[in-house]
mmCIF file of all heavy atoms, coordinates in Angstrom:
data_MODEL
# 
_entry.id   MODEL 
# 
loop_
_atom_site.group_PDB 
_atom_site.id 
_atom_site.type_symbol 
_atom_site.label_atom_id 
_atom_site.label_alt_id 
_atom_site.label_comp_id 
_atom_site.label_asym_id 
_atom_site.label_entity_id 
_atom_site.label_seq_id 
_atom_site.pdbx_PDB_ins_code 
_atom_site.Cartn_x 
_atom_site.Cartn_y 
_atom_site.Cartn_z 
_atom_site.occupancy 
_atom_site.B_iso_or_equiv 
_atom_site.pdbx_formal_charge 
_atom_site.auth_seq_id 
_atom_site.auth_comp_id 
_atom_site.auth_asym_id 
_atom_site.auth_atom_id 
_atom_site.pdbx_PDB_model_num 
ATOM 1   N N   . THR A 1 1  ? 79.147  61.016 129.348 1.00 0.00 ? 1  THR A N   1 
ATOM 2   C CA  . THR A 1 1  ? 78.442  61.869 128.400 1.00 0.00 ? 1  THR A CA  1 
ATOM 3   C C   . THR A 1 1  ? 78.994  61.605 127.008 1.00 0.00 ? 1  THR A C   1 
ATOM 4   O O   . THR A 1 1  ? 80.117  61.108 126.875 1.00 0.00 ? 1  THR A O   1 
ATOM 5   C CB  . THR A 1 1  ? 78.592  63.371 128.744 1.00 0.00 ? 1  THR A CB  1 
ATOM 6   O OG1 . THR A 1 1  ? 77.852  64.151 127.798 1.00 0.00 ? 1  THR A OG1 1 
ATOM 7   C CG2 . THR A 1 1  ? 80.045  63.816 128.725 1.00 0.00 ? 1  THR A CG2 1 
ATOM 8   N N   . ASP A 1 2  ? 78.217  61.959 125.998 1.00 0.00 ? 2  ASP A N   1 
ATOM 9   C CA  . ASP A 1 2  ? 78.750  61.891 124.638 1.00 0.00 ? 2  ASP A CA  1 
ATOM 10  C C   . ASP A 1 2  ? 79.135  63.285 124.151 1.00 0.00 ? 2  ASP A C   1 
ATOM 11  O O   . ASP A 1 2  ? 79.424  63.492 122.977 1.00 0.00 ? 2  ASP A O   1 
ATOM 12  C CB  . ASP A 1 2  ? 77.762  61.227 123.673 1.00 0.00 ? 2  ASP A CB  1 
ATOM 13  C CG  . ASP A 1 2  ? 76.455  61.980 123.553 1.00 0.00 ? 2  ASP A CG  1 
ATOM 14  O OD1 . ASP A 1 2  ? 76.191  62.895 124.368 1.00 0.00 ? 2  ASP A OD1 1 
ATOM 15  O OD2 . ASP A 1 2  ? 75.670  61.651 122.644 1.00 0.00 ? 2  ASP A OD2 1 
ATOM 16  N N   . LYS A 1 3  ? 79.174  64.240 125.088 1.00 0.00 ? 3  LYS A N   1 
ATOM 17  C CA  . LYS A 1 3  ? 79.567  65.616 124.777 1.00 0.00 ? 3  LYS A CA  1 
ATOM 18  C C   . LYS A 1 3  ? 80.636  66.085 125.768 1.00 0.00 ? 3  LYS A C   1 
ATOM 19  O O   . LYS A 1 3  ? 80.420  67.022 126.549 1.00 0.00 ? 3  LYS A O   1 
ATOM 20  C CB  . LYS A 1 3  ? 78.348  66.529 124.812 1.00 0.00 ? 3  LYS A CB  1 
ATOM 21  C CG  . LYS A 1 3  ? 77.338  66.219 123.728 1.00 0.00 ? 3  LYS A CG  1 
ATOM 22  C CD  . LYS A 1 3  ? 76.141  67.148 123.813 1.00 0.00 ? 3  LYS A CD  1 
ATOM 23  C CE  . LYS A 1 3  ? 75.230  66.980 122.634 1.00 0.00 ? 3  LYS A CE  1 
ATOM 24  N NZ  . LYS A 1 3  ? 74.469  65.754 122.613 1.00 0.00 ? 3  LYS A NZ  1 
ATOM 25  N N   . PRO A 1 4  ? 81.815  65.470 125.740 1.00 0.00 ? 4  PRO A N   1 
ATOM 26  C CA  . PRO A 1 4  ? 82.850  65.831 126.714 1.00 0.00 ? 4  PRO A CA  1 
ATOM 27  C C   . PRO A 1 4  ? 83.452  67.208 126.436 1.00 0.00 ? 4  PRO A C   1 
ATOM 28  O O   . PRO A 1 4  ? 83.465  67.677 125.301 1.00 0.00 ? 4  PRO A O   1 
ATOM 29  C CB  . PRO A 1 4  ? 83.906  64.737 126.527 1.00 0.00 ? 4  PRO A CB  1 
ATOM 30  C CG  . PRO A 1 4  ? 83.768  64.348 125.092 1.00 0.00 ? 4  PRO A CG  1 
ATOM 31  C CD  . PRO A 1 4  ? 82.281  64.435 124.815 1.00 0.00 ? 4  PRO A CD  1 
ATOM 32  N N   . THR A 1 5  ? 83.938  67.823 127.489 1.00 0.00 ? 5  THR A N   1 
ATOM 33  C CA  . THR A 1 5  ? 84.664  69.084 127.360 1.00 0.00 ? 5  THR A CA  1 
ATOM 34  C C   . THR A 1 5  ? 86.139  68.787 127.103 1.00 0.00 ? 5  THR A C   1 
ATOM 35  O O   . THR A 1 5  ? 86.604  67.653 127.300 1.00 0.00 ? 5  THR A O   1 
ATOM 36  C CB  . THR A 1 5  ? 84.546  69.913 128.648 1.00 0.00 ? 5  THR A CB  1 
ATOM 37  O OG1 . THR A 1 5  ? 85.190  69.186 129.712 1.00 0.00 ? 5  THR A OG1 1 
ATOM 38  C CG2 . THR A 1 5  ? 83.092  70.200 129.011 1.00 0.00 ? 5  THR A CG2 1 
ATOM 39  N N   . ARG A 1 6  ? 86.856  69.790 126.716 1.00 0.00 ? 6  ARG A N   1 
ATOM 40  C CA  . ARG A 1 6  ? 88.307  69.646 126.526 1.00 0.00 ? 6  ARG A CA  1 
ATOM 41  C C   . ARG A 1 6  ? 88.952  69.192 127.827 1.00 0.00 ? 6  ARG A C   1 
ATOM 42  O O   . ARG A 1 6  ? 89.827  68.328 127.831 1.00 0.00 ? 6  ARG A O   1 
ATOM 43  C CB  . ARG A 1 6  ? 88.905  70.969 126.051 1.00 0.00 ? 6  ARG A CB  1 
ATOM 44  C CG  . ARG A 1 6  ? 90.404  70.899 125.888 1.00 0.00 ? 6  ARG A CG  1 
ATOM 45  C CD  . ARG A 1 6  ? 90.985  72.210 125.409 1.00 0.00 ? 6  ARG A CD  1 
ATOM 46  N NE  . ARG A 1 6  ? 92.416  72.072 125.209 1.00 0.00 ? 6  ARG A NE  1 
ATOM 47  C CZ  . ARG A 1 6  ? 93.103  72.733 124.294 1.00 0.00 ? 6  ARG A CZ  1 
ATOM 48  N NH1 . ARG A 1 6  ? 92.491  73.585 123.496 1.00 0.00 ? 6  ARG A NH1 1 
ATOM 49  N NH2 . ARG A 1 6  ? 94.399  72.560 124.175 1.00 0.00 ? 6  ARG A NH2 1 
ATOM 50  N N   . GLU A 1 7  ? 88.519  69.781 128.933 1.00 0.00 ? 7  GLU A N   1 
ATOM 51  C CA  . GLU A 1 7  ? 89.103  69.436 130.233 1.00 0.00 ? 7  GLU A CA  1 
ATOM 52  C C   . GLU A 1 7  ? 88.884  67.965 130.574 1.00 0.00 ? 7  GLU A C   1 
ATOM 53  O O   . GLU A 1 7  ? 89.772  67.322 131.136 1.00 0.00 ? 7  GLU A O   1 
ATOM 54  C CB  . GLU A 1 7  ? 88.516  70.344 131.324 1.00 0.00 ? 7  GLU A CB  1 
ATOM 55  C CG  . GLU A 1 7  ? 88.901  71.806 131.195 1.00 0.00 ? 7  GLU A CG  1 
ATOM 56  C CD  . GLU A 1 7  ? 88.143  72.573 130.098 1.00 0.00 ? 7  GLU A CD  1 
ATOM 57  O OE1 . GLU A 1 7  ? 87.061  72.111 129.652 1.00 0.00 ? 7  GLU A OE1 1 
ATOM 58  O OE2 . GLU A 1 7  ? 88.644  73.625 129.672 1.00 0.00 ? 7  GLU A OE2 1 
ATOM 59  N N   . MET A 1 8  ? 87.722  67.434 130.231 1.00 0.00 ? 8  MET A N   1 
ATOM 60  C CA  . MET A 1 8  ? 87.455  66.017 130.478 1.00 0.00 ? 8  MET A CA  1 
ATOM 61  C C   . MET A 1 8  ? 88.420  65.136 129.682 1.00 0.00 ? 8  MET A C   1 
ATOM 62  O O   . MET A 1 8  ? 88.945  64.150 130.205 1.00 0.00 ? 8  MET A O   1 
ATOM 63  C CB  . MET A 1 8  ? 86.017  65.668 130.096 1.00 0.00 ? 8  MET A CB  1 
ATOM 64  C CG  . MET A 1 8  ? 84.967  66.309 130.959 1.00 0.00 ? 8  MET A CG  1 
ATOM 65  S SD  . MET A 1 8  ? 83.337  66.078 130.207 1.00 0.00 ? 8  MET A SD  1 
ATOM 66  C CE  . MET A 1 8  ? 82.467  65.376 131.583 1.00 0.00 ? 8  MET A CE  1 
ATOM 67  N N   . ILE A 1 9  ? 88.629  65.491 128.442 1.00 0.00 ? 9  ILE A N   1 
ATOM 68  C CA  . ILE A 1 9  ? 89.525  64.703 127.591 1.00 0.00 ? 9  ILE A CA  1 
ATOM 69  C C   . ILE A 1 9  ? 90.954  64.790 128.109 1.00 0.00 ? 9  ILE A C   1 
ATOM 70  O O   . ILE A 1 9  ? 91.648  63.779 128.218 1.00 0.00 ? 9  ILE A O   1 
ATOM 71  C CB  . ILE A 1 9  ? 89.426  65.157 126.125 1.00 0.00 ? 9  ILE A CB  1 
ATOM 72  C CG1 . ILE A 1 9  ? 88.029  64.819 125.583 1.00 0.00 ? 9  ILE A CG1 1 
ATOM 73  C CG2 . ILE A 1 9  ? 90.515  64.510 125.273 1.00 0.00 ? 9  ILE A CG2 1 
ATOM 74  C CD1 . ILE A 1 9  ? 87.713  65.441 124.248 1.00 0.00 ? 9  ILE A CD1 1 
ATOM 75  N N   . GLU A 1 10 ? 91.390  65.995 128.451 1.00 0.00 ? 10 GLU A N   1 
ATOM 76  C CA  . GLU A 1 10 ? 92.757  66.153 128.963 1.00 0.00 ? 10 GLU A CA  1 
ATOM 77  C C   . GLU A 1 10 ? 92.968  65.388 130.263 1.00 0.00 ? 10 GLU A C   1 
ATOM 78  O O   . GLU A 1 10 ? 94.070  64.902 130.532 1.00 0.00 ? 10 GLU A O   1 
ATOM 79  C CB  . GLU A 1 10 ? 93.060  67.636 129.174 1.00 0.00 ? 10 GLU A CB  1 
ATOM 80  C CG  . GLU A 1 10 ? 93.206  68.398 127.874 1.00 0.00 ? 10 GLU A CG  1 
ATOM 81  C CD  . GLU A 1 10 ? 93.394  69.886 128.046 1.00 0.00 ? 10 GLU A CD  1 
ATOM 82  O OE1 . GLU A 1 10 ? 92.871  70.461 129.039 1.00 0.00 ? 10 GLU A OE1 1 
ATOM 83  O OE2 . GLU A 1 10 ? 94.047  70.484 127.181 1.00 0.00 ? 10 GLU A OE2 1 
ATOM 84  N N   . ALA A 1 11 ? 91.924  65.222 131.050 1.00 0.00 ? 11 ALA A N   1 
ATOM 85  C CA  . ALA A 1 11 ? 92.032  64.519 132.333 1.00 0.00 ? 11 ALA A CA  1 
ATOM 86  C C   . ALA A 1 11 ? 91.947  63.005 132.198 1.00 0.00 ? 11 ALA A C   1 
ATOM 87  O O   . ALA A 1 11 ? 92.365  62.282 133.104 1.00 0.00 ? 11 ALA A O   1 
ATOM 88  C CB  . ALA A 1 11 ? 90.925  65.008 133.282 1.00 0.00 ? 11 ALA A CB  1 
ATOM 89  N N   . ASN A 1 12 ? 91.416  62.508 131.088 1.00 0.00 ? 12 ASN A N   1 
ATOM 90  C CA  . ASN A 1 12 ? 91.256  61.061 130.928 1.00 0.00 ? 12 ASN A CA  1 
ATOM 91  C C   . ASN A 1 12 ? 91.461  60.682 129.461 1.00 0.00 ? 12 ASN A C   1 
ATOM 92  O O   . ASN A 1 12 ? 90.573  60.859 128.638 1.00 0.00 ? 12 ASN A O   1 
ATOM 93  C CB  . ASN A 1 12 ? 89.880  60.613 131.394 1.00 0.00 ? 12 ASN A CB  1 
ATOM 94  C CG  . ASN A 1 12 ? 89.697  59.116 131.316 1.00 0.00 ? 12 ASN A CG  1 
ATOM 95  O OD1 . ASN A 1 12 ? 90.538  58.391 130.791 1.00 0.00 ? 12 ASN A OD1 1 
ATOM 96  N ND2 . ASN A 1 12 ? 88.581  58.629 131.819 1.00 0.00 ? 12 ASN A ND2 1 
ATOM 97  N N   . MET A 1 13 ? 92.626  60.170 129.169 1.00 0.00 ? 13 MET A N   1 
ATOM 98  C CA  . MET A 1 13 ? 92.950  59.740 127.816 1.00 0.00 ? 13 MET A CA  1 
ATOM 99  C C   . MET A 1 13 ? 93.132  58.225 127.747 1.00 0.00 ? 13 MET A C   1 
ATOM 100 O O   . MET A 1 13 ? 93.959  57.710 126.998 1.00 0.00 ? 13 MET A O   1 
ATOM 101 C CB  . MET A 1 13 ? 94.186  60.475 127.305 1.00 0.00 ? 13 MET A CB  1 
ATOM 102 C CG  . MET A 1 13 ? 93.964  61.958 127.133 1.00 0.00 ? 13 MET A CG  1 
ATOM 103 S SD  . MET A 1 13 ? 95.312  62.716 126.222 1.00 0.00 ? 13 MET A SD  1 
ATOM 104 C CE  . MET A 1 13 ? 94.662  64.359 125.976 1.00 0.00 ? 13 MET A CE  1 
ATOM 105 N N   . ASP A 1 14 ? 92.333  57.499 128.524 1.00 0.00 ? 14 ASP A N   1 
ATOM 106 C CA  . ASP A 1 14 ? 92.426  56.047 128.543 1.00 0.00 ? 14 ASP A CA  1 
ATOM 107 C C   . ASP A 1 14 ? 92.100  55.410 127.195 1.00 0.00 ? 14 ASP A C   1 
ATOM 108 O O   . ASP A 1 14 ? 92.430  54.248 126.961 1.00 0.00 ? 14 ASP A O   1 
ATOM 109 C CB  . ASP A 1 14 ? 91.505  55.458 129.615 1.00 0.00 ? 14 ASP A CB  1 
ATOM 110 C CG  . ASP A 1 14 ? 92.018  55.723 131.022 1.00 0.00 ? 14 ASP A CG  1 
ATOM 111 O OD1 . ASP A 1 14 ? 93.178  56.169 131.179 1.00 0.00 ? 14 ASP A OD1 1 
ATOM 112 O OD2 . ASP A 1 14 ? 91.245  55.491 131.978 1.00 0.00 ? 14 ASP A OD2 1 
ATOM 113 N N   . PHE A 1 15 ? 91.473  56.160 126.298 1.00 0.00 ? 15 PHE A N   1 
ATOM 114 C CA  . PHE A 1 15 ? 91.159  55.625 124.966 1.00 0.00 ? 15 PHE A CA  1 
ATOM 115 C C   . PHE A 1 15 ? 92.410  55.243 124.190 1.00 0.00 ? 15 PHE A C   1 
ATOM 116 O O   . PHE A 1 15 ? 92.348  54.429 123.277 1.00 0.00 ? 15 PHE A O   1 
ATOM 117 C CB  . PHE A 1 15 ? 90.317  56.623 124.155 1.00 0.00 ? 15 PHE A CB  1 
ATOM 118 C CG  . PHE A 1 15 ? 90.894  58.012 124.113 1.00 0.00 ? 15 PHE A CG  1 
ATOM 119 C CD1 . PHE A 1 15 ? 91.942  58.336 123.266 1.00 0.00 ? 15 PHE A CD1 1 
ATOM 120 C CD2 . PHE A 1 15 ? 90.381  58.996 124.938 1.00 0.00 ? 15 PHE A CD2 1 
ATOM 121 C CE1 . PHE A 1 15 ? 92.473  59.609 123.239 1.00 0.00 ? 15 PHE A CE1 1 
ATOM 122 C CE2 . PHE A 1 15 ? 90.898  60.276 124.906 1.00 0.00 ? 15 PHE A CE2 1 
ATOM 123 C CZ  . PHE A 1 15 ? 91.950  60.590 124.055 1.00 0.00 ? 15 PHE A CZ  1 
ATOM 124 N N   . TYR A 1 16 ? 93.575  55.803 124.560 1.00 0.00 ? 16 TYR A N   1 
ATOM 125 C CA  . TYR A 1 16 ? 94.810  55.456 123.856 1.00 0.00 ? 16 TYR A CA  1 
ATOM 126 C C   . TYR A 1 16 ? 95.105  53.963 123.934 1.00 0.00 ? 16 TYR A C   1 
ATOM 127 O O   . TYR A 1 16 ? 95.754  53.405 123.054 1.00 0.00 ? 16 TYR A O   1 
ATOM 128 C CB  . TYR A 1 16 ? 96.009  56.252 124.396 1.00 0.00 ? 16 TYR A CB  1 
ATOM 129 C CG  . TYR A 1 16 ? 96.211  57.576 123.707 1.00 0.00 ? 16 TYR A CG  1 
ATOM 130 C CD1 . TYR A 1 16 ? 95.828  58.758 124.300 1.00 0.00 ? 16 TYR A CD1 1 
ATOM 131 C CD2 . TYR A 1 16 ? 96.796  57.632 122.444 1.00 0.00 ? 16 TYR A CD2 1 
ATOM 132 C CE1 . TYR A 1 16 ? 96.012  59.975 123.669 1.00 0.00 ? 16 TYR A CE1 1 
ATOM 133 C CE2 . TYR A 1 16 ? 96.990  58.842 121.799 1.00 0.00 ? 16 TYR A CE2 1 
ATOM 134 C CZ  . TYR A 1 16 ? 96.596  60.010 122.419 1.00 0.00 ? 16 TYR A CZ  1 
ATOM 135 O OH  . TYR A 1 16 ? 96.781  61.214 121.781 1.00 0.00 ? 16 TYR A OH  1 
ATOM 136 N N   . GLU A 1 17 ? 94.632  53.300 124.982 1.00 0.00 ? 17 GLU A N   1 
ATOM 137 C CA  . GLU A 1 17 ? 94.871  51.867 125.155 1.00 0.00 ? 17 GLU A CA  1 
ATOM 138 C C   . GLU A 1 17 ? 94.306  51.035 124.005 1.00 0.00 ? 17 GLU A C   1 
ATOM 139 O O   . GLU A 1 17 ? 94.778  49.941 123.737 1.00 0.00 ? 17 GLU A O   1 
ATOM 140 C CB  . GLU A 1 17 ? 94.261  51.391 126.472 1.00 0.00 ? 17 GLU A CB  1 
ATOM 141 C CG  . GLU A 1 17 ? 94.884  52.023 127.684 1.00 0.00 ? 17 GLU A CG  1 
ATOM 142 C CD  . GLU A 1 17 ? 94.136  51.716 128.968 1.00 0.00 ? 17 GLU A CD  1 
ATOM 143 O OE1 . GLU A 1 17 ? 93.210  50.871 128.953 1.00 0.00 ? 17 GLU A OE1 1 
ATOM 144 O OE2 . GLU A 1 17 ? 94.496  52.318 129.994 1.00 0.00 ? 17 GLU A OE2 1 
ATOM 145 N N   . ASP A 1 18 ? 93.288  51.564 123.326 1.00 0.00 ? 18 ASP A N   1 
ATOM 146 C CA  . ASP A 1 18 ? 92.621  50.807 122.266 1.00 0.00 ? 18 ASP A CA  1 
ATOM 147 C C   . ASP A 1 18 ? 92.971  51.258 120.853 1.00 0.00 ? 18 ASP A C   1 
ATOM 148 O O   . ASP A 1 18 ? 92.408  50.739 119.883 1.00 0.00 ? 18 ASP A O   1 
ATOM 149 C CB  . ASP A 1 18 ? 91.096  50.896 122.456 1.00 0.00 ? 18 ASP A CB  1 
ATOM 150 C CG  . ASP A 1 18 ? 90.666  50.283 123.772 1.00 0.00 ? 18 ASP A CG  1 
ATOM 151 O OD1 . ASP A 1 18 ? 91.243  49.241 124.161 1.00 0.00 ? 18 ASP A OD1 1 
ATOM 152 O OD2 . ASP A 1 18 ? 89.766  50.849 124.426 1.00 0.00 ? 18 ASP A OD2 1 
ATOM 153 N N   . ILE A 1 19 ? 93.887  52.203 120.711 1.00 0.00 ? 19 ILE A N   1 
ATOM 154 C CA  . ILE A 1 19 ? 94.255  52.703 119.383 1.00 0.00 ? 19 ILE A CA  1 
ATOM 155 C C   . ILE A 1 19 ? 95.461  51.918 118.873 1.00 0.00 ? 19 ILE A C   1 
ATOM 156 O O   . ILE A 1 19 ? 96.458  51.762 119.576 1.00 0.00 ? 19 ILE A O   1 
ATOM 157 C CB  . ILE A 1 19 ? 94.589  54.207 119.427 1.00 0.00 ? 19 ILE A CB  1 
ATOM 158 C CG1 . ILE A 1 19 ? 93.384  55.012 119.907 1.00 0.00 ? 19 ILE A CG1 1 
ATOM 159 C CG2 . ILE A 1 19 ? 95.031  54.690 118.042 1.00 0.00 ? 19 ILE A CG2 1 
ATOM 160 C CD1 . ILE A 1 19 ? 93.672  56.495 120.117 1.00 0.00 ? 19 ILE A CD1 1 
ATOM 161 N N   . GLU A 1 20 ? 95.356  51.434 117.660 1.00 0.00 ? 20 GLU A N   1 
ATOM 162 C CA  . GLU A 1 20 ? 96.455  50.701 117.025 1.00 0.00 ? 20 GLU A CA  1 
ATOM 163 C C   . GLU A 1 20 ? 97.491  51.684 116.471 1.00 0.00 ? 20 GLU A C   1 
ATOM 164 O O   . GLU A 1 20 ? 97.183  52.842 116.179 1.00 0.00 ? 20 GLU A O   1 
ATOM 165 C CB  . GLU A 1 20 ? 95.917  49.844 115.878 1.00 0.00 ? 20 GLU A CB  1 
ATOM 166 C CG  . GLU A 1 20 ? 94.924  48.795 116.295 1.00 0.00 ? 20 GLU A CG  1 
ATOM 167 C CD  . GLU A 1 20 ? 95.547  47.667 117.089 1.00 0.00 ? 20 GLU A CD  1 
ATOM 168 O OE1 . GLU A 1 20 ? 96.723  47.332 116.853 1.00 0.00 ? 20 GLU A OE1 1 
ATOM 169 O OE2 . GLU A 1 20 ? 94.844  47.119 117.958 1.00 0.00 ? 20 GLU A OE2 1 
ATOM 170 N N   . ARG A 1 21 ? 98.676  51.197 116.267 1.00 0.00 ? 21 ARG A N   1 
ATOM 171 C CA  . ARG A 1 21 ? 99.731  52.014 115.666 1.00 0.00 ? 21 ARG A CA  1 
ATOM 172 C C   . ARG A 1 21 ? 99.337  52.410 114.246 1.00 0.00 ? 21 ARG A C   1 
ATOM 173 O O   . ARG A 1 21 ? 98.735  51.630 113.519 1.00 0.00 ? 21 ARG A O   1 
ATOM 174 C CB  . ARG A 1 21 ? 101.040 51.242 115.657 1.00 0.00 ? 21 ARG A CB  1 
ATOM 175 C CG  . ARG A 1 21 ? 101.535 51.013 117.059 1.00 0.00 ? 21 ARG A CG  1 
ATOM 176 C CD  . ARG A 1 21 ? 102.711 50.109 117.104 1.00 0.00 ? 21 ARG A CD  1 
ATOM 177 N NE  . ARG A 1 21 ? 103.083 49.935 118.511 1.00 0.00 ? 21 ARG A NE  1 
ATOM 178 C CZ  . ARG A 1 21 ? 104.214 49.440 118.912 1.00 0.00 ? 21 ARG A CZ  1 
ATOM 179 N NH1 . ARG A 1 21 ? 105.101 49.037 118.041 1.00 0.00 ? 21 ARG A NH1 1 
ATOM 180 N NH2 . ARG A 1 21 ? 104.473 49.332 120.194 1.00 0.00 ? 21 ARG A NH2 1 
ATOM 181 N N   . GLY A 1 22 ? 99.657  53.654 113.895 1.00 0.00 ? 22 GLY A N   1 
ATOM 182 C CA  . GLY A 1 22 ? 99.331  54.142 112.560 1.00 0.00 ? 22 GLY A CA  1 
ATOM 183 C C   . GLY A 1 22 ? 97.871  54.502 112.380 1.00 0.00 ? 22 GLY A C   1 
ATOM 184 O O   . GLY A 1 22 ? 97.403  54.649 111.259 1.00 0.00 ? 22 GLY A O   1 
ATOM 185 N N   . GLN A 1 23 ? 97.153  54.659 113.498 1.00 0.00 ? 23 GLN A N   1 
ATOM 186 C CA  . GLN A 1 23 ? 95.738  55.006 113.457 1.00 0.00 ? 23 GLN A CA  1 
ATOM 187 C C   . GLN A 1 23 ? 95.443  56.112 114.470 1.00 0.00 ? 23 GLN A C   1 
ATOM 188 O O   . GLN A 1 23 ? 96.269  56.412 115.330 1.00 0.00 ? 23 GLN A O   1 
ATOM 189 C CB  . GLN A 1 23 ? 94.869  53.793 113.803 1.00 0.00 ? 23 GLN A CB  1 
ATOM 190 C CG  . GLN A 1 23 ? 95.013  52.655 112.835 1.00 0.00 ? 23 GLN A CG  1 
ATOM 191 C CD  . GLN A 1 23 ? 94.116  51.485 113.196 1.00 0.00 ? 23 GLN A CD  1 
ATOM 192 O OE1 . GLN A 1 23 ? 93.162  51.614 113.935 1.00 0.00 ? 23 GLN A OE1 1 
ATOM 193 N NE2 . GLN A 1 23 ? 94.446  50.327 112.652 1.00 0.00 ? 23 GLN A NE2 1 
ATOM 194 N N   . GLY A 1 24 ? 94.253  56.695 114.352 1.00 0.00 ? 24 GLY A N   1 
ATOM 195 C CA  . GLY A 1 24 ? 93.864  57.735 115.293 1.00 0.00 ? 24 GLY A CA  1 
ATOM 196 C C   . GLY A 1 24 ? 92.365  57.806 115.472 1.00 0.00 ? 24 GLY A C   1 
ATOM 197 O O   . GLY A 1 24 ? 91.600  57.135 114.774 1.00 0.00 ? 24 GLY A O   1 
ATOM 198 N N   . ILE A 1 25 ? 91.981  58.633 116.424 1.00 0.00 ? 25 ILE A N   1 
ATOM 199 C CA  . ILE A 1 25 ? 90.560  58.871 116.708 1.00 0.00 ? 25 ILE A CA  1 
ATOM 200 C C   . ILE A 1 25 ? 90.328  60.374 116.709 1.00 0.00 ? 25 ILE A C   1 
ATOM 201 O O   . ILE A 1 25 ? 91.265  61.159 116.779 1.00 0.00 ? 25 ILE A O   1 
ATOM 202 C CB  . ILE A 1 25 ? 90.119  58.265 118.056 1.00 0.00 ? 25 ILE A CB  1 
ATOM 203 C CG1 . ILE A 1 25 ? 90.956  58.792 119.242 1.00 0.00 ? 25 ILE A CG1 1 
ATOM 204 C CG2 . ILE A 1 25 ? 90.211  56.759 118.025 1.00 0.00 ? 25 ILE A CG2 1 
ATOM 205 C CD1 . ILE A 1 25 ? 90.368  59.974 119.924 1.00 0.00 ? 25 ILE A CD1 1 
ATOM 206 N N   . TYR A 1 26 ? 89.053  60.737 116.639 1.00 0.00 ? 26 TYR A N   1 
ATOM 207 C CA  . TYR A 1 26 ? 88.710  62.132 116.890 1.00 0.00 ? 26 TYR A CA  1 
ATOM 208 C C   . TYR A 1 26 ? 87.508  62.184 117.814 1.00 0.00 ? 26 TYR A C   1 
ATOM 209 O O   . TYR A 1 26 ? 86.706  61.262 117.877 1.00 0.00 ? 26 TYR A O   1 
ATOM 210 C CB  . TYR A 1 26 ? 88.481  62.921 115.597 1.00 0.00 ? 26 TYR A CB  1 
ATOM 211 C CG  . TYR A 1 26 ? 87.228  62.593 114.840 1.00 0.00 ? 26 TYR A CG  1 
ATOM 212 C CD1 . TYR A 1 26 ? 86.018  63.213 115.142 1.00 0.00 ? 26 TYR A CD1 1 
ATOM 213 C CD2 . TYR A 1 26 ? 87.241  61.661 113.793 1.00 0.00 ? 26 TYR A CD2 1 
ATOM 214 C CE1 . TYR A 1 26 ? 84.861  62.917 114.431 1.00 0.00 ? 26 TYR A CE1 1 
ATOM 215 C CE2 . TYR A 1 26 ? 86.097  61.364 113.079 1.00 0.00 ? 26 TYR A CE2 1 
ATOM 216 C CZ  . TYR A 1 26 ? 84.912  62.001 113.407 1.00 0.00 ? 26 TYR A CZ  1 
ATOM 217 O OH  . TYR A 1 26 ? 83.762  61.712 112.707 1.00 0.00 ? 26 TYR A OH  1 
ATOM 218 N N   . ILE A 1 27 ? 87.442  63.282 118.576 1.00 0.00 ? 27 ILE A N   1 
ATOM 219 C CA  . ILE A 1 27 ? 86.354  63.529 119.508 1.00 0.00 ? 27 ILE A CA  1 
ATOM 220 C C   . ILE A 1 27 ? 85.959  64.998 119.353 1.00 0.00 ? 27 ILE A C   1 
ATOM 221 O O   . ILE A 1 27 ? 86.831  65.871 119.363 1.00 0.00 ? 27 ILE A O   1 
ATOM 222 C CB  . ILE A 1 27 ? 86.776  63.297 120.973 1.00 0.00 ? 27 ILE A CB  1 
ATOM 223 C CG1 . ILE A 1 27 ? 87.316  61.888 121.194 1.00 0.00 ? 27 ILE A CG1 1 
ATOM 224 C CG2 . ILE A 1 27 ? 85.615  63.584 121.923 1.00 0.00 ? 27 ILE A CG2 1 
ATOM 225 C CD1 . ILE A 1 27 ? 87.980  61.675 122.556 1.00 0.00 ? 27 ILE A CD1 1 
ATOM 226 N N   . ILE A 1 28 ? 84.688  65.253 119.230 1.00 0.00 ? 28 ILE A N   1 
ATOM 227 C CA  . ILE A 1 28 ? 84.208  66.636 119.232 1.00 0.00 ? 28 ILE A CA  1 
ATOM 228 C C   . ILE A 1 28 ? 84.067  67.048 120.692 1.00 0.00 ? 28 ILE A C   1 
ATOM 229 O O   . ILE A 1 28 ? 83.422  66.357 121.483 1.00 0.00 ? 28 ILE A O   1 
ATOM 230 C CB  . ILE A 1 28 ? 82.877  66.762 118.478 1.00 0.00 ? 28 ILE A CB  1 
ATOM 231 C CG1 . ILE A 1 28 ? 83.113  66.394 117.008 1.00 0.00 ? 28 ILE A CG1 1 
ATOM 232 C CG2 . ILE A 1 28 ? 82.306  68.174 118.620 1.00 0.00 ? 28 ILE A CG2 1 
ATOM 233 C CD1 . ILE A 1 28 ? 81.861  66.287 116.179 1.00 0.00 ? 28 ILE A CD1 1 
# 
């Protein structure tokens, strides 16, 4: 989905694998 819940994000943070040092992402 493109509308994840907080629980979904807390359960799967695999996006960290693609974040460079000194950078970040945001998700609504």
